[in-house]
Amino acid sequence: NLPVGTRFSCGDALLEMTQIGKECHSHCEIFKRMGECIM
């Protein structure tokens, strides 16, 4: 629920969010077991 471009600091480090979600090309083991994956 945060926009791309949001920045986070942790100590000296600084991160910038570049992407929300990602396409799942081959379903992972979690998807195979649970029928869904949250990543």
PDB file of all heavy atoms in Angstrom:
ATOM      1  N   ASN A   1       0.804  -1.221   0.000  1.00  0.00           N
ATOM      2  CA  ASN A   1       0.000   0.000   0.000  1.00  0.00           C
ATOM      3  C   ASN A   1       0.838   1.274   0.000  1.00  0.00           C
ATOM      4  O   ASN A   1       0.301   2.367   0.169  1.00  0.00           O
ATOM      5  CB  ASN A   1      -0.985  -0.005   1.171  1.00  0.00           C
ATOM      6  CG  ASN A   1      -2.100  -1.013   0.948  1.00  0.00           C
ATOM      7  OD1 ASN A   1      -2.673  -1.080  -0.139  1.00  0.00           O
ATOM      8  ND2 ASN A   1      -2.375  -1.819   1.952  1.00  0.00           N
ATOM      9  N   LEU A   2       2.138   1.126  -0.181  1.00  0.00           N
ATOM     10  CA  LEU A   2       3.029   2.283  -0.294  1.00  0.00           C
ATOM     11  C   LEU A   2       3.404   2.452  -1.763  1.00  0.00           C
ATOM     12  O   LEU A   2       3.512   1.462  -2.489  1.00  0.00           O
ATOM     13  CB  LEU A   2       4.286   2.079   0.552  1.00  0.00           C
ATOM     14  CG  LEU A   2       4.057   1.978   2.058  1.00  0.00           C
ATOM     15  CD1 LEU A   2       5.338   1.543   2.759  1.00  0.00           C
ATOM     16  CD2 LEU A   2       3.567   3.304   2.611  1.00  0.00           C
ATOM     17  N   PRO A   3       3.617   3.670  -2.212  1.00  0.00           N
ATOM     18  CA  PRO A   3       3.945   3.866  -3.631  1.00  0.00           C
ATOM     19  C   PRO A   3       5.399   3.523  -3.962  1.00  0.00           C
ATOM     20  O   PRO A   3       6.294   3.633  -3.118  1.00  0.00           O
ATOM     21  CB  PRO A   3       3.687   5.364  -3.841  1.00  0.00           C
ATOM     22  CG  PRO A   3       3.918   5.974  -2.496  1.00  0.00           C
ATOM     23  CD  PRO A   3       3.467   4.946  -1.491  1.00  0.00           C
ATOM     24  N   VAL A   4       5.597   3.106  -5.222  1.00  0.00           N
ATOM     25  CA  VAL A   4       6.959   2.946  -5.727  1.00  0.00           C
ATOM     26  C   VAL A   4       7.653   4.290  -5.549  1.00  0.00           C
ATOM     27  O   VAL A   4       7.045   5.343  -5.740  1.00  0.00           O
ATOM     28  CB  VAL A   4       6.927   2.516  -7.216  1.00  0.00           C
ATOM     29  CG1 VAL A   4       8.296   2.656  -7.854  1.00  0.00           C
ATOM     30  CG2 VAL A   4       6.421   1.089  -7.340  1.00  0.00           C
ATOM     31  N   GLY A   5       8.907   4.264  -5.132  1.00  0.00           N
ATOM     32  CA  GLY A   5       9.648   5.495  -4.849  1.00  0.00           C
ATOM     33  C   GLY A   5       9.759   5.774  -3.361  1.00  0.00           C
ATOM     34  O   GLY A   5      10.549   6.619  -2.941  1.00  0.00           O
ATOM     35  N   THR A   6       8.966   5.042  -2.541  1.00  0.00           N
ATOM     36  CA  THR A   6       9.051   5.200  -1.091  1.00  0.00           C
ATOM     37  C   THR A   6      10.458   4.824  -0.636  1.00  0.00           C
ATOM     38  O   THR A   6      11.042   3.856  -1.114  1.00  0.00           O
ATOM     39  CB  THR A   6       8.017   4.293  -0.380  1.00  0.00           C
ATOM     40  OG1 THR A   6       6.708   4.679  -0.796  1.00  0.00           O
ATOM     41  CG2 THR A   6       8.131   4.403   1.132  1.00  0.00           C
ATOM     42  N   ARG A   7      10.996   5.641   0.270  1.00  0.00           N
ATOM     43  CA  ARG A   7      12.339   5.389   0.792  1.00  0.00           C
ATOM     44  C   ARG A   7      12.285   5.001   2.260  1.00  0.00           C
ATOM     45  O   ARG A   7      11.456   5.498   3.013  1.00  0.00           O
ATOM     46  CB  ARG A   7      13.219   6.622   0.608  1.00  0.00           C
ATOM     47  CG  ARG A   7      13.531   6.877  -0.850  1.00  0.00           C
ATOM     48  CD  ARG A   7      14.448   8.054  -1.041  1.00  0.00           C
ATOM     49  NE  ARG A   7      14.793   8.198  -2.457  1.00  0.00           N
ATOM     50  CZ  ARG A   7      15.709   9.022  -2.906  1.00  0.00           C
ATOM     51  NH1 ARG A   7      16.393   9.789  -2.068  1.00  0.00           N
ATOM     52  NH2 ARG A   7      15.963   9.087  -4.195  1.00  0.00           N
ATOM     53  N   PHE A   8      13.219   4.108   2.636  1.00  0.00           N
ATOM     54  CA  PHE A   8      13.348   3.628   4.009  1.00  0.00           C
ATOM     55  C   PHE A   8      14.786   3.760   4.450  1.00  0.00           C
ATOM     56  O   PHE A   8      15.703   3.476   3.680  1.00  0.00           O
ATOM     57  CB  PHE A   8      12.970   2.141   4.103  1.00  0.00           C
ATOM     58  CG  PHE A   8      11.553   1.843   3.747  1.00  0.00           C
ATOM     59  CD1 PHE A   8      11.208   1.459   2.467  1.00  0.00           C
ATOM     60  CD2 PHE A   8      10.555   1.933   4.704  1.00  0.00           C
ATOM     61  CE1 PHE A   8       9.902   1.173   2.130  1.00  0.00           C
ATOM     62  CE2 PHE A   8       9.249   1.653   4.379  1.00  0.00           C
ATOM     63  CZ  PHE A   8       8.911   1.271   3.094  1.00  0.00           C
ATOM     64  N   SER A   9      14.968   4.184   5.702  1.00  0.00           N
ATOM     65  CA  SER A   9      16.317   4.221   6.263  1.00  0.00           C
ATOM     66  C   SER A   9      16.405   3.195   7.381  1.00  0.00           C
ATOM     67  O   SER A   9      15.444   2.955   8.103  1.00  0.00           O
ATOM     68  CB  SER A   9      16.658   5.615   6.791  1.00  0.00           C
ATOM     69  OG  SER A   9      15.850   5.935   7.903  1.00  0.00           O
ATOM     70  N   CYS A  10      17.581   2.611   7.479  1.00  0.00           N
ATOM     71  CA  CYS A  10      17.864   1.658   8.550  1.00  0.00           C
ATOM     72  C   CYS A  10      19.322   1.865   8.905  1.00  0.00           C
ATOM     73  O   CYS A  10      20.213   1.503   8.123  1.00  0.00           O
ATOM     74  CB  CYS A  10      17.603   0.233   8.063  1.00  0.00           C
ATOM     75  SG  CYS A  10      17.834  -0.982   9.360  1.00  0.00           S
ATOM     76  N   GLY A  11      19.550   2.522  10.043  1.00  0.00           N
ATOM     77  CA  GLY A  11      20.913   2.899  10.385  1.00  0.00           C
ATOM     78  C   GLY A  11      21.429   3.849   9.327  1.00  0.00           C
ATOM     79  O   GLY A  11      20.768   4.816   8.950  1.00  0.00           O
ATOM     80  N   ASP A  12      22.604   3.551   8.761  1.00  0.00           N
ATOM     81  CA  ASP A  12      23.189   4.384   7.705  1.00  0.00           C
ATOM     82  C   ASP A  12      22.616   4.072   6.326  1.00  0.00           C
ATOM     83  O   ASP A  12      22.786   4.839   5.388  1.00  0.00           O
ATOM     84  CB  ASP A  12      24.710   4.182   7.658  1.00  0.00           C
ATOM     85  CG  ASP A  12      25.398   4.738   8.894  1.00  0.00           C
ATOM     86  OD1 ASP A  12      24.864   5.690   9.496  1.00  0.00           O
ATOM     87  OD2 ASP A  12      26.469   4.209   9.253  1.00  0.00           O
ATOM     88  N   ALA A  13      21.977   2.921   6.201  1.00  0.00           N
ATOM     89  CA  ALA A  13      21.495   2.463   4.896  1.00  0.00           C
ATOM     90  C   ALA A  13      20.218   3.173   4.465  1.00  0.00           C
ATOM     91  O   ALA A  13      19.396   3.569   5.296  1.00  0.00           O
ATOM     92  CB  ALA A  13      21.260   0.958   4.933  1.00  0.00           C
ATOM     93  N   LEU A  14      20.074   3.327   3.140  1.00  0.00           N
ATOM     94  CA  LEU A  14      18.878   3.942   2.560  1.00  0.00           C
ATOM     95  C   LEU A  14      18.424   3.091   1.379  1.00  0.00           C
ATOM     96  O   LEU A  14      19.204   2.812   0.475  1.00  0.00           O
ATOM     97  CB  LEU A  14      19.184   5.372   2.090  1.00  0.00           C
ATOM     98  CG  LEU A  14      18.027   6.165   1.501  1.00  0.00           C
ATOM     99  CD1 LEU A  14      16.938   6.426   2.548  1.00  0.00           C
ATOM    100  CD2 LEU A  14      18.533   7.481   0.926  1.00  0.00           C
ATOM    101  N   LEU A  15      17.146   2.677   1.417  1.00  0.00           N
ATOM    102  CA  LEU A  15      16.545   1.861   0.362  1.00  0.00           C
ATOM    103  C   LEU A  15      15.446   2.649  -0.330  1.00  0.00           C
ATOM    104  O   LEU A  15      14.781   3.473   0.299  1.00  0.00           O
ATOM    105  CB  LEU A  15      15.920   0.589   0.941  1.00  0.00           C
ATOM    106  CG  LEU A  15      16.819  -0.367   1.709  1.00  0.00           C
ATOM    107  CD1 LEU A  15      15.996  -1.468   2.371  1.00  0.00           C
ATOM    108  CD2 LEU A  15      17.851  -0.973   0.777  1.00  0.00           C
ATOM    109  N   GLU A  16      15.241   2.378  -1.621  1.00  0.00           N
ATOM    110  CA  GLU A  16      14.125   2.977  -2.353  1.00  0.00           C
ATOM    111  C   GLU A  16      13.344   1.865  -3.036  1.00  0.00           C
ATOM    112  O   GLU A  16      13.912   1.067  -3.792  1.00  0.00           O
ATOM    113  CB  GLU A  16      14.612   3.979  -3.392  1.00  0.00           C
ATOM    114  CG  GLU A  16      13.451   4.637  -4.128  1.00  0.00           C
ATOM    115  CD  GLU A  16      13.904   5.729  -5.074  1.00  0.00           C
ATOM    116  OE1 GLU A  16      14.217   5.397  -6.234  1.00  0.00           O
ATOM    117  OE2 GLU A  16      13.967   6.889  -4.636  1.00  0.00           O
ATOM    118  N   MET A  17      12.036   1.833  -2.765  1.00  0.00           N
ATOM    119  CA  MET A  17      11.155   0.824  -3.334  1.00  0.00           C
ATOM    120  C   MET A  17      11.001   1.047  -4.839  1.00  0.00           C
ATOM    121  O   MET A  17      10.700   2.152  -5.276  1.00  0.00           O
ATOM    122  CB  MET A  17       9.786   0.896  -2.634  1.00  0.00           C
ATOM    123  CG  MET A  17       9.041  -0.387  -2.641  1.00  0.00           C
ATOM    124  SD  MET A  17       7.710  -0.372  -1.419  1.00  0.00           S
ATOM    125  CE  MET A  17       6.437   0.445  -2.343  1.00  0.00           C
ATOM    126  N   THR A  18      11.213  -0.023  -5.617  1.00  0.00           N
ATOM    127  CA  THR A  18      11.190   0.078  -7.078  1.00  0.00           C
ATOM    128  C   THR A  18      10.078  -0.731  -7.725  1.00  0.00           C
ATOM    129  O   THR A  18       9.736  -0.488  -8.879  1.00  0.00           O
ATOM    130  CB  THR A  18      12.524  -0.412  -7.660  1.00  0.00           C
ATOM    131  OG1 THR A  18      12.748  -1.757  -7.196  1.00  0.00           O
ATOM    132  CG2 THR A  18      13.673   0.487  -7.259  1.00  0.00           C
ATOM    133  N   GLN A  19       9.534  -1.720  -7.012  1.00  0.00           N
ATOM    134  CA  GLN A  19       8.531  -2.597  -7.613  1.00  0.00           C
ATOM    135  C   GLN A  19       7.669  -3.208  -6.526  1.00  0.00           C
ATOM    136  O   GLN A  19       8.167  -3.563  -5.460  1.00  0.00           O
ATOM    137  CB  GLN A  19       9.231  -3.707  -8.407  1.00  0.00           C
ATOM    138  CG  GLN A  19       8.300  -4.650  -9.123  1.00  0.00           C
ATOM    139  CD  GLN A  19       9.068  -5.671  -9.963  1.00  0.00           C
ATOM    140  OE1 GLN A  19      10.109  -5.371 -10.527  1.00  0.00           O
ATOM    141  NE2 GLN A  19       8.546  -6.886 -10.046  1.00  0.00           N
ATOM    142  N   ILE A  20       6.377  -3.331  -6.823  1.00  0.00           N
ATOM    143  CA  ILE A  20       5.439  -3.992  -5.919  1.00  0.00           C
ATOM    144  C   ILE A  20       5.013  -5.292  -6.587  1.00  0.00           C
ATOM    145  O   ILE A  20       4.526  -5.297  -7.712  1.00  0.00           O
ATOM    146  CB  ILE A  20       4.210  -3.112  -5.634  1.00  0.00           C
ATOM    147  CG1 ILE A  20       4.644  -1.795  -4.995  1.00  0.00           C
ATOM    148  CG2 ILE A  20       3.208  -3.858  -4.752  1.00  0.00           C
ATOM    149  CD1 ILE A  20       3.555  -0.755  -4.881  1.00  0.00           C
ATOM    150  N   GLY A  21       5.221  -6.402  -5.901  1.00  0.00           N
ATOM    151  CA  GLY A  21       4.848  -7.701  -6.438  1.00  0.00           C
ATOM    152  C   GLY A  21       5.754  -8.152  -7.562  1.00  0.00           C
ATOM    153  O   GLY A  21       6.651  -7.432  -7.994  1.00  0.00           O
ATOM    154  N   LYS A  22       5.508  -9.384  -7.997  1.00  0.00           N
ATOM    155  CA  LYS A  22       6.291  -9.926  -9.104  1.00  0.00           C
ATOM    156  C   LYS A  22       5.539 -11.108  -9.679  1.00  0.00           C
ATOM    157  O   LYS A  22       4.857 -11.826  -8.955  1.00  0.00           O
ATOM    158  CB  LYS A  22       7.688 -10.274  -8.636  1.00  0.00           C
ATOM    159  CG  LYS A  22       8.034 -11.726  -8.429  1.00  0.00           C
ATOM    160  CD  LYS A  22       9.385 -11.880  -7.786  1.00  0.00           C
ATOM    161  CE  LYS A  22      10.297 -12.888  -8.365  1.00  0.00           C
ATOM    162  NZ  LYS A  22       9.847 -14.222  -8.545  1.00  0.00           N
ATOM    163  N   GLU A  23       5.666 -11.267 -10.969  1.00  0.00           N
ATOM    164  CA  GLU A  23       5.001 -12.389 -11.630  1.00  0.00           C
ATOM    165  C   GLU A  23       5.651 -13.698 -11.197  1.00  0.00           C
ATOM    166  O   GLU A  23       6.861 -13.789 -11.063  1.00  0.00           O
ATOM    167  CB  GLU A  23       5.116 -12.224 -13.145  1.00  0.00           C
ATOM    168  CG  GLU A  23       4.285 -13.216 -13.918  1.00  0.00           C
ATOM    169  CD  GLU A  23       4.357 -12.975 -15.415  1.00  0.00           C
ATOM    170  OE1 GLU A  23       4.734 -11.859 -15.829  1.00  0.00           O
ATOM    171  OE2 GLU A  23       4.044 -13.911 -16.157  1.00  0.00           O
ATOM    172  N   CYS A  24       4.833 -14.685 -10.960  1.00  0.00           N
ATOM    173  CA  CYS A  24       5.328 -16.009 -10.581  1.00  0.00           C
ATOM    174  C   CYS A  24       5.283 -16.895 -11.825  1.00  0.00           C
ATOM    175  O   CYS A  24       4.212 -17.296 -12.264  1.00  0.00           O
ATOM    176  CB  CYS A  24       4.452 -16.582  -9.466  1.00  0.00           C
ATOM    177  SG  CYS A  24       5.101 -18.099  -8.768  1.00  0.00           S
ATOM    178  N   HIS A  25       6.441 -17.163 -12.412  1.00  0.00           N
ATOM    179  CA  HIS A  25       6.500 -17.930 -13.661  1.00  0.00           C
ATOM    180  C   HIS A  25       6.272 -19.418 -13.437  1.00  0.00           C
ATOM    181  O   HIS A  25       5.470 -20.044 -14.116  1.00  0.00           O
ATOM    182  CB  HIS A  25       7.849 -17.707 -14.362  1.00  0.00           C
ATOM    183  CG  HIS A  25       8.066 -16.282 -14.738  1.00  0.00           C
ATOM    184  ND1 HIS A  25       7.388 -15.677 -15.761  1.00  0.00           N
ATOM    185  CD2 HIS A  25       8.869 -15.328 -14.209  1.00  0.00           C
ATOM    186  CE1 HIS A  25       7.770 -14.414 -15.857  1.00  0.00           C
ATOM    187  NE2 HIS A  25       8.661 -14.179 -14.925  1.00  0.00           N
ATOM    188  N   SER A  26       6.961 -19.989 -12.493  1.00  0.00           N
ATOM    189  CA  SER A  26       6.749 -21.411 -12.168  1.00  0.00           C
ATOM    190  C   SER A  26       6.397 -21.457 -10.691  1.00  0.00           C
ATOM    191  O   SER A  26       7.149 -20.991  -9.856  1.00  0.00           O
ATOM    192  CB  SER A  26       8.009 -22.217 -12.459  1.00  0.00           C
ATOM    193  OG  SER A  26       9.104 -21.692 -11.749  1.00  0.00           O
ATOM    194  N   HIS A  27       5.253 -22.012 -10.396  1.00  0.00           N
ATOM    195  CA  HIS A  27       4.771 -21.991  -9.012  1.00  0.00           C
ATOM    196  C   HIS A  27       5.762 -22.660  -8.058  1.00  0.00           C
ATOM    197  O   HIS A  27       6.259 -23.751  -8.314  1.00  0.00           O
ATOM    198  CB  HIS A  27       3.409 -22.658  -8.922  1.00  0.00           C
ATOM    199  CG  HIS A  27       2.329 -21.866  -9.589  1.00  0.00           C
ATOM    200  ND1 HIS A  27       2.049 -20.557  -9.265  1.00  0.00           N
ATOM    201  CD2 HIS A  27       1.464 -22.190 -10.578  1.00  0.00           C
ATOM    202  CE1 HIS A  27       1.062 -20.114 -10.011  1.00  0.00           C
ATOM    203  NE2 HIS A  27       0.687 -21.083 -10.825  1.00  0.00           N
ATOM    204  N   CYS A  28       6.009 -21.970  -6.943  1.00  0.00           N
ATOM    205  CA  CYS A  28       6.948 -22.438  -5.932  1.00  0.00           C
ATOM    206  C   CYS A  28       6.337 -23.574  -5.110  1.00  0.00           C
ATOM    207  O   CYS A  28       5.162 -23.896  -5.233  1.00  0.00           O
ATOM    208  CB  CYS A  28       7.349 -21.282  -5.032  1.00  0.00           C
ATOM    209  SG  CYS A  28       5.972 -20.614  -4.055  1.00  0.00           S
ATOM    210  N   GLU A  29       7.157 -24.145  -4.241  1.00  0.00           N
ATOM    211  CA  GLU A  29       6.695 -25.235  -3.379  1.00  0.00           C
ATOM    212  C   GLU A  29       5.561 -24.785  -2.464  1.00  0.00           C
ATOM    213  O   GLU A  29       4.662 -25.557  -2.171  1.00  0.00           O
ATOM    214  CB  GLU A  29       7.860 -25.791  -2.548  1.00  0.00           C
ATOM    215  CG  GLU A  29       8.870 -26.552  -3.376  1.00  0.00           C
ATOM    216  CD  GLU A  29       8.251 -27.702  -4.153  1.00  0.00           C
ATOM    217  OE1 GLU A  29       7.479 -28.489  -3.575  1.00  0.00           O
ATOM    218  OE2 GLU A  29       8.526 -27.800  -5.360  1.00  0.00           O
ATOM    219  N   ILE A  30       5.611 -23.538  -2.009  1.00  0.00           N
ATOM    220  CA  ILE A  30       4.550 -23.023  -1.136  1.00  0.00           C
ATOM    221  C   ILE A  30       3.225 -23.011  -1.892  1.00  0.00           C
ATOM    222  O   ILE A  30       2.201 -23.454  -1.381  1.00  0.00           O
ATOM    223  CB  ILE A  30       4.896 -21.611  -0.614  1.00  0.00           C
ATOM    224  CG1 ILE A  30       6.129 -21.675   0.289  1.00  0.00           C
ATOM    225  CG2 ILE A  30       3.710 -20.996   0.121  1.00  0.00           C
ATOM    226  CD1 ILE A  30       6.719 -20.338   0.646  1.00  0.00           C
ATOM    227  N   PHE A  31       3.226 -22.536  -3.135  1.00  0.00           N
ATOM    228  CA  PHE A  31       2.008 -22.515  -3.948  1.00  0.00           C
ATOM    229  C   PHE A  31       1.495 -23.931  -4.158  1.00  0.00           C
ATOM    230  O   PHE A  31       0.286 -24.186  -4.056  1.00  0.00           O
ATOM    231  CB  PHE A  31       2.260 -21.837  -5.295  1.00  0.00           C
ATOM    232  CG  PHE A  31       1.010 -21.663  -6.110  1.00  0.00           C
ATOM    233  CD1 PHE A  31       0.265 -20.497  -6.010  1.00  0.00           C
ATOM    234  CD2 PHE A  31       0.560 -22.676  -6.955  1.00  0.00           C
ATOM    235  CE1 PHE A  31      -0.903 -20.342  -6.739  1.00  0.00           C
ATOM    236  CE2 PHE A  31      -0.594 -22.535  -7.682  1.00  0.00           C
ATOM    237  CZ  PHE A  31      -1.339 -21.364  -7.580  1.00  0.00           C
ATOM    238  N   LYS A  32       2.387 -24.848  -4.434  1.00  0.00           N
ATOM    239  CA  LYS A  32       1.981 -26.236  -4.676  1.00  0.00           C
ATOM    240  C   LYS A  32       1.338 -26.858  -3.433  1.00  0.00           C
ATOM    241  O   LYS A  32       0.393 -27.625  -3.546  1.00  0.00           O
ATOM    242  CB  LYS A  32       3.175 -27.070  -5.137  1.00  0.00           C
ATOM    243  CG  LYS A  32       3.639 -26.678  -6.541  1.00  0.00           C
ATOM    244  CD  LYS A  32       4.926 -27.366  -6.917  1.00  0.00           C
ATOM    245  CE  LYS A  32       5.427 -26.850  -8.260  1.00  0.00           C
ATOM    246  NZ  LYS A  32       6.799 -27.191  -8.535  1.00  0.00           N
ATOM    247  N   ARG A  33       1.834 -26.513  -2.246  1.00  0.00           N
ATOM    248  CA  ARG A  33       1.297 -27.052  -0.990  1.00  0.00           C
ATOM    249  C   ARG A  33       0.027 -26.344  -0.551  1.00  0.00           C
ATOM    250  O   ARG A  33      -0.912 -26.974  -0.084  1.00  0.00           O
ATOM    251  CB  ARG A  33       2.341 -26.905   0.129  1.00  0.00           C
ATOM    252  CG  ARG A  33       3.176 -28.109   0.353  1.00  0.00           C
ATOM    253  CD  ARG A  33       3.941 -28.127   1.674  1.00  0.00           C
ATOM    254  NE  ARG A  33       4.105 -26.893   2.404  1.00  0.00           N
ATOM    255  CZ  ARG A  33       5.244 -26.219   2.531  1.00  0.00           C
ATOM    256  NH1 ARG A  33       6.320 -26.630   1.924  1.00  0.00           N
ATOM    257  NH2 ARG A  33       5.307 -25.135   3.240  1.00  0.00           N
ATOM    258  N   MET A  34       0.009 -24.992  -0.690  1.00  0.00           N
ATOM    259  CA  MET A  34      -1.063 -24.187  -0.099  1.00  0.00           C
ATOM    260  C   MET A  34      -2.083 -23.664  -1.123  1.00  0.00           C
ATOM    261  O   MET A  34      -3.128 -23.164  -0.748  1.00  0.00           O
ATOM    262  CB  MET A  34      -0.467 -22.984   0.646  1.00  0.00           C
ATOM    263  CG  MET A  34       0.430 -23.346   1.801  1.00  0.00           C
ATOM    264  SD  MET A  34      -0.438 -24.135   3.163  1.00  0.00           S
ATOM    265  CE  MET A  34      -1.524 -22.825   3.697  1.00  0.00           C
ATOM    266  N   GLY A  35      -1.726 -23.725  -2.405  1.00  0.00           N
ATOM    267  CA  GLY A  35      -2.627 -23.206  -3.435  1.00  0.00           C
ATOM    268  C   GLY A  35      -2.504 -21.709  -3.650  1.00  0.00           C
ATOM    269  O   GLY A  35      -3.223 -21.124  -4.457  1.00  0.00           O
ATOM    270  N   GLU A  36      -1.603 -21.082  -2.928  1.00  0.00           N
ATOM    271  CA  GLU A  36      -1.328 -19.661  -3.096  1.00  0.00           C
ATOM    272  C   GLU A  36       0.050 -19.343  -2.531  1.00  0.00           C
ATOM    273  O   GLU A  36       0.607 -20.120  -1.774  1.00  0.00           O
ATOM    274  CB  GLU A  36      -2.395 -18.780  -2.429  1.00  0.00           C
ATOM    275  CG  GLU A  36      -2.367 -18.830  -0.914  1.00  0.00           C
ATOM    276  CD  GLU A  36      -3.265 -17.794  -0.252  1.00  0.00           C
ATOM    277  OE1 GLU A  36      -3.363 -16.659  -0.751  1.00  0.00           O
ATOM    278  OE2 GLU A  36      -3.869 -18.143   0.762  1.00  0.00           O
ATOM    279  N   CYS A  37       0.555 -18.186  -2.915  1.00  0.00           N
ATOM    280  CA  CYS A  37       1.824 -17.678  -2.399  1.00  0.00           C
ATOM    281  C   CYS A  37       1.661 -16.165  -2.282  1.00  0.00           C
ATOM    282  O   CYS A  37       1.112 -15.535  -3.190  1.00  0.00           O
ATOM    283  CB  CYS A  37       2.971 -18.033  -3.347  1.00  0.00           C
ATOM    284  SG  CYS A  37       4.558 -17.328  -2.825  1.00  0.00           S
ATOM    285  N   ILE A  38       2.116 -15.589  -1.179  1.00  0.00           N
ATOM    286  CA  ILE A  38       1.901 -14.148  -0.973  1.00  0.00           C
ATOM    287  C   ILE A  38       2.963 -13.265  -1.615  1.00  0.00           C
ATOM    288  O   ILE A  38       2.713 -12.088  -1.850  1.00  0.00           O
ATOM    289  CB  ILE A  38       1.763 -13.797   0.523  1.00  0.00           C
ATOM    290  CG1 ILE A  38       3.035 -14.160   1.306  1.00  0.00           C
ATOM    291  CG2 ILE A  38       0.525 -14.452   1.101  1.00  0.00           C
ATOM    292  CD1 ILE A  38       3.025 -13.684   2.750  1.00  0.00           C
ATOM    293  N   MET A  39       4.127 -13.809  -1.949  1.00  0.00           N
ATOM    294  CA  MET A  39       5.202 -12.964  -2.481  1.00  0.00           C
ATOM    295  C   MET A  39       4.804 -12.235  -3.769  1.00  0.00           C
ATOM    296  O   MET A  39       5.095 -11.046  -3.900  1.00  0.00           O
ATOM    297  CB  MET A  39       6.478 -13.787  -2.682  1.00  0.00           C
ATOM    298  CG  MET A  39       7.706 -12.942  -2.954  1.00  0.00           C
ATOM    299  SD  MET A  39       8.094 -11.864  -1.557  1.00  0.00           S
ATOM    300  CE  MET A  39       9.566 -11.060  -2.154  1.00  0.00           C
TER     301      MET A  39
END
